[in-house]
N, C-alpha and C. Protein backbone atom coordinates (compact mmCIF):
# COMPACT_ATOMS: atom_id res chain seq x y z
N MET A 1 19.92 27.48 -0.27
CA MET A 1 19.42 26.47 0.29
C MET A 1 17.98 26.28 0.02
N THR A 2 17.61 25.02 -0.55
CA THR A 2 16.15 24.82 -1.10
C THR A 2 15.64 24.03 0.09
N GLN A 3 14.13 24.33 0.24
CA GLN A 3 13.49 23.40 0.99
C GLN A 3 12.96 22.27 0.50
N VAL A 4 13.21 21.11 0.88
CA VAL A 4 12.87 19.83 0.42
C VAL A 4 11.72 19.29 1.20
N VAL A 5 10.41 19.02 0.91
CA VAL A 5 9.56 18.32 1.61
C VAL A 5 9.58 16.65 1.27
N PHE A 6 9.83 16.07 2.40
CA PHE A 6 10.43 14.53 2.22
C PHE A 6 9.27 13.70 3.01
N TYR A 7 8.34 13.04 2.35
CA TYR A 7 7.35 12.22 2.87
C TYR A 7 8.02 10.96 3.06
N GLU A 8 8.02 10.48 4.28
CA GLU A 8 8.94 9.12 4.56
C GLU A 8 7.83 8.23 5.47
N LYS A 9 8.52 7.08 5.64
CA LYS A 9 7.90 6.11 6.76
C LYS A 9 8.81 6.35 7.90
N PRO A 10 8.24 7.05 8.98
CA PRO A 10 9.05 7.39 10.28
C PRO A 10 9.54 6.00 10.61
N GLY A 11 10.97 5.92 11.07
CA GLY A 11 11.46 4.76 11.57
C GLY A 11 12.37 4.07 10.56
N CYS A 12 12.10 4.41 9.19
CA CYS A 12 12.90 3.64 8.15
C CYS A 12 14.35 4.15 7.95
N ALA A 13 15.43 2.98 8.16
CA ALA A 13 16.77 3.61 8.22
C ALA A 13 17.30 4.30 7.09
N THR A 14 16.55 3.80 5.98
CA THR A 14 16.87 4.08 4.46
C THR A 14 16.61 5.77 4.24
N ASN A 15 15.24 5.86 4.63
CA ASN A 15 14.73 7.31 4.52
C ASN A 15 15.78 8.20 5.47
N ARG A 16 16.10 7.76 6.77
CA ARG A 16 16.82 8.62 7.46
C ARG A 16 18.31 8.96 6.91
N LYS A 17 18.94 8.05 6.08
CA LYS A 17 20.09 8.07 5.28
C LYS A 17 19.84 9.15 4.26
N GLN A 18 18.68 9.00 3.68
CA GLN A 18 18.53 9.97 2.36
C GLN A 18 18.37 11.44 3.01
N LYS A 19 17.55 11.58 3.90
CA LYS A 19 17.54 12.97 4.61
C LYS A 19 18.84 13.63 4.98
N ILE A 20 19.65 12.76 5.48
CA ILE A 20 20.93 13.17 5.91
C ILE A 20 21.92 13.54 4.56
N LEU A 21 21.74 12.95 3.69
CA LEU A 21 22.37 13.31 2.33
C LEU A 21 21.75 14.63 1.89
N LEU A 22 20.67 14.79 1.99
CA LEU A 22 20.02 15.96 1.48
C LEU A 22 20.30 17.31 2.33
N ALA A 23 20.33 17.10 3.71
CA ALA A 23 20.77 18.15 4.60
C ALA A 23 22.21 18.43 4.37
N GLU A 24 23.29 17.36 4.25
CA GLU A 24 24.62 17.76 3.92
C GLU A 24 24.80 18.22 2.62
N ALA A 25 23.89 18.21 1.82
CA ALA A 25 24.08 18.88 0.36
C ALA A 25 23.47 20.34 0.70
N GLY A 26 23.13 20.91 1.84
CA GLY A 26 22.87 22.16 2.22
C GLY A 26 21.41 22.65 2.20
N HIS A 27 20.39 21.52 2.11
CA HIS A 27 18.93 21.69 2.16
C HIS A 27 18.33 21.80 3.37
N GLU A 28 17.19 22.28 3.26
CA GLU A 28 16.37 22.31 4.50
C GLU A 28 15.29 21.14 4.21
N VAL A 29 15.49 20.15 5.11
CA VAL A 29 14.46 18.89 5.05
C VAL A 29 13.40 18.91 5.89
N VAL A 30 12.26 18.95 5.33
CA VAL A 30 10.99 18.85 6.17
C VAL A 30 10.40 17.63 5.95
N ALA A 31 10.57 17.01 7.01
CA ALA A 31 9.97 15.33 7.11
C ALA A 31 8.62 15.24 7.37
N LYS A 32 7.71 14.69 6.63
CA LYS A 32 6.37 14.44 6.89
C LYS A 32 5.93 13.04 6.81
N ASN A 33 5.18 12.51 7.49
CA ASN A 33 4.75 11.09 7.77
C ASN A 33 3.88 10.76 6.64
N LEU A 34 4.48 9.74 5.73
CA LEU A 34 3.70 9.29 4.46
C LEU A 34 2.52 8.68 4.75
N LEU A 35 2.76 7.85 6.09
CA LEU A 35 1.55 7.09 6.34
C LEU A 35 0.21 7.78 6.95
N THR A 36 0.30 8.95 7.74
CA THR A 36 -0.68 9.64 8.15
C THR A 36 -1.26 10.94 7.28
N GLU A 37 -0.32 11.19 6.12
CA GLU A 37 -0.74 12.26 5.37
C GLU A 37 -2.09 12.14 4.74
N SER A 38 -2.81 13.24 4.50
CA SER A 38 -4.11 13.07 3.76
C SER A 38 -4.02 13.12 2.27
N TRP A 39 -4.03 11.93 1.72
CA TRP A 39 -3.78 11.80 0.34
C TRP A 39 -4.95 11.64 -0.54
N THR A 40 -4.95 12.16 -1.78
CA THR A 40 -6.04 12.04 -2.60
C THR A 40 -5.27 11.46 -3.85
N PRO A 41 -6.34 10.83 -4.78
CA PRO A 41 -5.40 10.27 -5.92
C PRO A 41 -5.10 11.49 -6.79
N GLU A 42 -5.47 12.40 -6.82
CA GLU A 42 -4.90 13.53 -7.58
C GLU A 42 -3.65 14.00 -7.06
N ARG A 43 -3.63 14.38 -5.67
CA ARG A 43 -2.55 14.64 -5.09
C ARG A 43 -1.32 13.93 -5.20
N LEU A 44 -1.46 12.47 -4.82
CA LEU A 44 -0.60 11.57 -5.32
C LEU A 44 -0.12 11.25 -6.66
N ARG A 45 -0.84 11.59 -7.65
CA ARG A 45 -0.35 11.25 -8.73
C ARG A 45 0.62 12.22 -9.28
N ALA A 46 0.47 13.34 -8.72
CA ALA A 46 1.69 14.43 -9.35
C ALA A 46 3.05 13.78 -9.06
N PHE A 47 3.08 12.90 -8.16
CA PHE A 47 4.55 12.66 -7.70
C PHE A 47 5.10 11.36 -8.73
N PHE A 48 4.42 10.84 -9.44
CA PHE A 48 4.73 9.80 -10.28
C PHE A 48 5.21 10.06 -11.56
N GLY A 49 4.82 11.32 -12.11
CA GLY A 49 5.45 11.73 -13.48
C GLY A 49 5.20 10.76 -14.52
N ASP A 50 6.23 10.20 -15.13
CA ASP A 50 6.29 9.44 -16.27
C ASP A 50 6.47 8.07 -15.96
N LEU A 51 6.51 7.67 -14.63
CA LEU A 51 6.99 6.40 -14.15
C LEU A 51 5.85 5.27 -14.61
N PRO A 52 6.24 4.20 -15.17
CA PRO A 52 4.96 3.20 -15.23
C PRO A 52 4.38 2.58 -14.05
N VAL A 53 3.03 2.55 -13.91
CA VAL A 53 2.07 2.40 -12.90
C VAL A 53 2.91 1.36 -11.80
N GLU A 54 3.58 0.46 -12.35
CA GLU A 54 4.29 -0.73 -11.59
C GLU A 54 5.26 -0.12 -10.74
N ASP A 55 6.00 0.86 -11.14
CA ASP A 55 7.15 1.61 -10.49
C ASP A 55 6.57 2.68 -9.35
N TRP A 56 5.42 2.84 -9.21
CA TRP A 56 4.52 3.50 -8.15
C TRP A 56 4.58 2.76 -6.93
N PHE A 57 4.74 1.54 -6.81
CA PHE A 57 4.61 0.81 -5.46
C PHE A 57 5.82 0.34 -5.06
N ASN A 58 5.78 0.58 -3.74
CA ASN A 58 7.07 0.15 -3.09
C ASN A 58 7.32 -1.47 -3.01
N PRO A 59 8.40 -1.86 -3.60
CA PRO A 59 8.45 -3.27 -3.77
C PRO A 59 8.80 -4.02 -2.45
N ASN A 60 9.13 -3.23 -1.38
CA ASN A 60 9.07 -3.98 -0.01
C ASN A 60 7.92 -3.86 0.76
N ALA A 61 7.09 -3.38 0.45
CA ALA A 61 5.65 -3.38 1.10
C ALA A 61 5.36 -4.76 1.23
N PRO A 62 4.94 -5.02 2.63
CA PRO A 62 4.50 -6.61 2.75
C PRO A 62 3.48 -7.12 1.81
N GLN A 63 2.44 -5.97 1.54
CA GLN A 63 1.51 -6.88 0.58
C GLN A 63 2.11 -7.24 -0.92
N VAL A 64 3.15 -6.53 -1.44
CA VAL A 64 3.80 -6.58 -2.58
C VAL A 64 4.73 -7.99 -2.36
N LYS A 65 5.54 -7.90 -1.44
CA LYS A 65 6.29 -8.87 -1.09
C LYS A 65 5.54 -10.35 -1.02
N SER A 66 4.50 -10.45 -0.44
CA SER A 66 3.72 -11.58 -0.24
C SER A 66 3.07 -12.16 -1.37
N GLY A 67 2.94 -11.22 -2.51
CA GLY A 67 2.48 -11.68 -3.79
C GLY A 67 0.87 -11.27 -3.66
N ALA A 68 0.34 -10.71 -2.61
CA ALA A 68 -0.94 -10.25 -2.14
C ALA A 68 -1.37 -9.10 -3.27
N VAL A 69 -0.50 -8.21 -3.61
CA VAL A 69 -0.66 -7.34 -4.33
C VAL A 69 0.40 -7.43 -5.39
N ASN A 70 -0.15 -7.33 -6.81
CA ASN A 70 0.88 -7.32 -8.09
C ASN A 70 0.71 -6.15 -8.57
N PRO A 71 1.75 -5.30 -8.46
CA PRO A 71 1.82 -3.91 -9.07
C PRO A 71 1.50 -3.92 -10.77
N ARG A 72 1.79 -4.91 -11.46
CA ARG A 72 1.53 -4.98 -12.75
C ARG A 72 0.15 -5.21 -13.02
N ALA A 73 -0.71 -5.74 -12.37
CA ALA A 73 -2.06 -5.85 -12.41
C ALA A 73 -2.78 -4.49 -12.34
N PHE A 74 -2.51 -3.60 -12.06
CA PHE A 74 -2.90 -2.30 -11.74
C PHE A 74 -2.89 -1.10 -12.73
N ASP A 75 -4.14 -0.56 -13.07
CA ASP A 75 -3.93 0.76 -13.96
C ASP A 75 -3.71 1.78 -12.97
N ALA A 76 -3.67 3.00 -13.49
CA ALA A 76 -3.33 4.19 -12.66
C ALA A 76 -4.39 4.60 -11.77
N ASP A 77 -5.61 4.47 -12.05
CA ASP A 77 -6.88 4.82 -11.09
C ASP A 77 -7.01 3.65 -10.21
N LEU A 78 -6.60 2.37 -10.34
CA LEU A 78 -6.67 1.36 -9.34
C LEU A 78 -5.55 1.41 -8.39
N ALA A 79 -4.36 1.80 -8.92
CA ALA A 79 -3.10 1.82 -8.13
C ALA A 79 -3.52 3.16 -7.21
N LEU A 80 -4.04 4.15 -7.46
CA LEU A 80 -3.83 5.26 -6.75
C LEU A 80 -5.30 5.04 -5.71
N ALA A 81 -6.05 4.55 -6.03
CA ALA A 81 -7.26 4.38 -4.91
C ALA A 81 -6.80 3.38 -3.89
N ASN A 82 -5.97 2.33 -4.08
CA ASN A 82 -5.20 1.39 -3.28
C ASN A 82 -4.49 2.20 -2.40
N MET A 83 -3.46 3.03 -3.14
CA MET A 83 -2.51 3.66 -2.41
C MET A 83 -3.00 4.82 -1.25
N VAL A 84 -4.13 5.17 -1.68
CA VAL A 84 -4.65 6.21 -0.61
C VAL A 84 -5.26 5.61 0.61
N ILE A 85 -5.82 4.21 0.28
CA ILE A 85 -6.22 3.44 1.37
C ILE A 85 -5.12 3.05 2.22
N GLU A 86 -4.09 2.42 1.56
CA GLU A 86 -2.77 1.84 2.09
C GLU A 86 -1.54 2.38 1.70
N PRO A 87 -1.27 3.42 2.34
CA PRO A 87 0.02 4.22 2.00
C PRO A 87 1.36 3.33 2.25
N LEU A 88 1.26 2.31 2.93
CA LEU A 88 2.71 1.55 2.73
C LEU A 88 2.82 0.87 1.33
N LEU A 89 2.07 1.04 0.35
CA LEU A 89 2.00 0.56 -0.89
C LEU A 89 2.96 1.66 -1.81
N ILE A 90 3.22 2.84 -1.30
CA ILE A 90 3.74 3.89 -2.04
C ILE A 90 5.26 3.90 -2.21
N ARG A 91 5.72 4.02 -3.29
CA ARG A 91 7.26 3.91 -3.35
C ARG A 91 7.49 5.17 -2.59
N ARG A 92 8.67 5.22 -1.92
CA ARG A 92 9.06 6.31 -0.91
C ARG A 92 10.51 6.36 -1.18
N PRO A 93 10.99 7.74 -0.84
CA PRO A 93 10.23 8.78 -0.34
C PRO A 93 9.67 9.34 -1.61
N LEU A 94 8.59 10.20 -1.17
CA LEU A 94 8.10 10.97 -1.96
C LEU A 94 8.74 12.49 -1.70
N ILE A 95 9.08 13.01 -2.72
CA ILE A 95 9.89 14.24 -2.56
C ILE A 95 9.36 15.70 -3.35
N GLU A 96 9.27 16.64 -2.73
CA GLU A 96 8.86 17.90 -3.35
C GLU A 96 9.79 19.12 -3.08
N ALA A 97 10.37 19.63 -4.17
CA ALA A 97 11.41 20.54 -4.33
C ALA A 97 11.40 21.10 -5.56
N LEU A 98 11.82 22.56 -5.66
CA LEU A 98 12.30 23.32 -6.82
C LEU A 98 10.96 23.31 -7.73
N GLY A 99 9.78 23.17 -7.11
CA GLY A 99 8.56 23.17 -7.94
C GLY A 99 8.51 21.89 -8.67
N GLN A 100 9.01 20.91 -8.16
CA GLN A 100 8.98 19.64 -8.69
C GLN A 100 8.57 18.48 -7.71
N LYS A 101 8.02 17.33 -8.13
CA LYS A 101 7.80 16.32 -7.33
C LYS A 101 8.42 14.89 -7.77
N CYS A 102 8.80 13.84 -6.97
CA CYS A 102 9.04 12.70 -7.40
C CYS A 102 8.80 11.56 -6.44
N ALA A 103 8.86 10.40 -6.78
CA ALA A 103 8.78 9.13 -6.13
C ALA A 103 10.06 8.21 -6.03
N GLY A 104 10.85 8.01 -4.89
CA GLY A 104 11.96 7.37 -5.15
C GLY A 104 13.17 8.27 -4.95
N PHE A 105 14.25 7.78 -4.66
CA PHE A 105 15.39 8.52 -4.36
C PHE A 105 16.48 8.30 -5.71
N ASN A 106 16.01 7.78 -6.60
CA ASN A 106 16.91 7.43 -7.76
C ASN A 106 16.25 8.51 -8.97
N GLN A 107 15.50 9.51 -8.79
CA GLN A 107 15.01 10.23 -9.72
C GLN A 107 15.88 11.67 -10.20
N SER A 108 15.51 12.29 -11.13
CA SER A 108 16.40 13.46 -11.64
C SER A 108 16.46 14.65 -10.52
N LEU A 109 15.10 14.90 -10.13
CA LEU A 109 15.08 15.68 -8.95
C LEU A 109 16.06 15.41 -7.96
N VAL A 110 16.22 14.21 -7.41
CA VAL A 110 17.28 14.13 -6.24
C VAL A 110 18.61 14.34 -6.70
N GLN A 111 18.91 13.81 -7.91
CA GLN A 111 20.32 14.08 -8.34
C GLN A 111 20.46 15.72 -8.45
N ASP A 112 19.63 16.49 -8.93
CA ASP A 112 19.60 17.90 -8.97
C ASP A 112 20.09 18.35 -7.75
N LEU A 113 19.25 18.02 -6.58
CA LEU A 113 19.27 18.33 -5.24
C LEU A 113 20.75 17.98 -4.69
N LEU A 114 21.18 16.78 -4.94
CA LEU A 114 22.49 16.27 -4.37
C LEU A 114 23.74 16.89 -4.94
N GLY A 115 23.53 17.03 -6.39
CA GLY A 115 24.82 17.54 -7.06
C GLY A 115 25.27 16.24 -7.95
N PRO A 116 26.01 16.93 -8.99
CA PRO A 116 26.71 15.78 -10.00
C PRO A 116 27.52 14.96 -9.37
N ASP A 117 28.43 15.18 -8.22
CA ASP A 117 29.15 14.06 -7.76
C ASP A 117 28.52 12.95 -6.95
N LYS A 118 27.19 13.07 -6.63
CA LYS A 118 26.62 11.96 -5.69
C LYS A 118 25.89 11.07 -6.67
N LYS A 119 25.83 9.85 -6.50
CA LYS A 119 24.91 8.98 -7.16
C LYS A 119 23.99 8.55 -6.02
N PRO A 120 22.74 8.91 -6.13
CA PRO A 120 21.73 8.57 -5.13
C PRO A 120 21.56 7.11 -5.09
N ALA A 121 21.41 6.28 -6.07
CA ALA A 121 20.96 5.08 -5.96
C ALA A 121 22.10 4.15 -5.54
N GLU A 122 23.27 4.50 -5.70
CA GLU A 122 24.30 3.83 -5.29
C GLU A 122 24.72 4.43 -3.68
N THR A 123 24.36 5.47 -3.50
CA THR A 123 24.89 5.97 -2.33
C THR A 123 23.98 5.46 -1.00
N VAL A 124 22.69 5.38 -1.31
CA VAL A 124 21.86 4.82 -0.30
C VAL A 124 20.84 3.80 -0.92
N ALA A 125 21.02 2.44 -0.41
CA ALA A 125 20.14 1.50 -0.89
C ALA A 125 19.40 1.05 0.39
N CYS A 126 18.41 0.20 0.10
CA CYS A 126 17.57 -0.27 1.01
C CYS A 126 18.56 -0.83 2.23
N SER A 127 18.25 -0.63 3.50
CA SER A 127 18.94 -0.90 4.61
C SER A 127 18.53 -2.46 5.04
N ARG A 128 17.69 -2.98 4.37
CA ARG A 128 17.35 -4.47 4.67
C ARG A 128 17.33 -5.33 3.36
N PRO A 129 18.64 -5.34 2.92
CA PRO A 129 18.81 -6.30 1.62
C PRO A 129 18.27 -7.67 1.91
N ASP A 130 18.04 -8.21 2.83
CA ASP A 130 17.72 -9.55 3.17
C ASP A 130 16.22 -9.67 3.13
N GLY A 131 15.58 -8.62 2.79
CA GLY A 131 14.20 -8.81 2.68
C GLY A 131 13.35 -8.78 3.88
N THR A 132 13.92 -8.60 5.12
CA THR A 132 12.99 -8.45 6.47
C THR A 132 12.45 -7.11 6.44
N PRO A 133 11.04 -7.06 6.87
CA PRO A 133 10.47 -5.68 6.73
C PRO A 133 10.94 -4.73 7.86
N CYS A 134 10.93 -3.48 7.46
CA CYS A 134 11.11 -2.66 8.58
C CYS A 134 10.13 -2.56 9.96
N PRO A 135 10.60 -2.36 10.82
CA PRO A 135 9.57 -2.31 11.89
C PRO A 135 8.24 -1.68 11.88
N PRO A 136 7.26 -2.30 12.33
CA PRO A 136 5.91 -1.59 12.12
C PRO A 136 5.81 -0.18 12.52
N GLU A 137 5.29 0.72 11.90
CA GLU A 137 5.05 1.94 12.24
C GLU A 137 4.07 1.94 13.59
N LYS A 138 4.26 2.58 14.53
CA LYS A 138 3.28 2.90 15.53
C LYS A 138 2.66 4.13 15.44
N ILE A 139 1.74 4.35 15.13
CA ILE A 139 0.91 5.61 14.76
C ILE A 139 0.10 6.12 16.19
N SER A 140 0.53 7.11 16.66
CA SER A 140 -0.15 7.65 17.82
C SER A 140 -1.19 8.72 17.50
N ALA A 141 -2.28 8.60 18.37
CA ALA A 141 -3.38 9.68 18.15
C ALA A 141 -2.90 10.97 18.73
N GLU A 142 -2.91 12.00 17.88
CA GLU A 142 -2.35 13.20 18.12
C GLU A 142 -3.55 14.21 18.31
């Protein structure tokens, strides 16, 4: 059993399904709130590997969908600075396991965790294909 640190947007139905798949594959899933985590550009950068900068962004983030943020207009430093300020921009989930990190559920790390018989991108797609946003996250002071 591998411990999988799973940075999610609490309440996201897709992230819930993804965690279930990982747990069903025999892993211990440690869920963390992506929105309240203390991110630094350096720490966040480690999750993106060789992905193009535009793929670091959550395409369903309200600012991206509205056109207020154009992921193609960002270099790495500017993208990271904005994501630290506004974590909703970050492609999720962020996953840490087996000494590796990745962003998104369609990466090779996820395939390694699920095994060769599962196709993560086909198994769990966005729960809101009609484009409606997920319910806003209520962050309580703890």
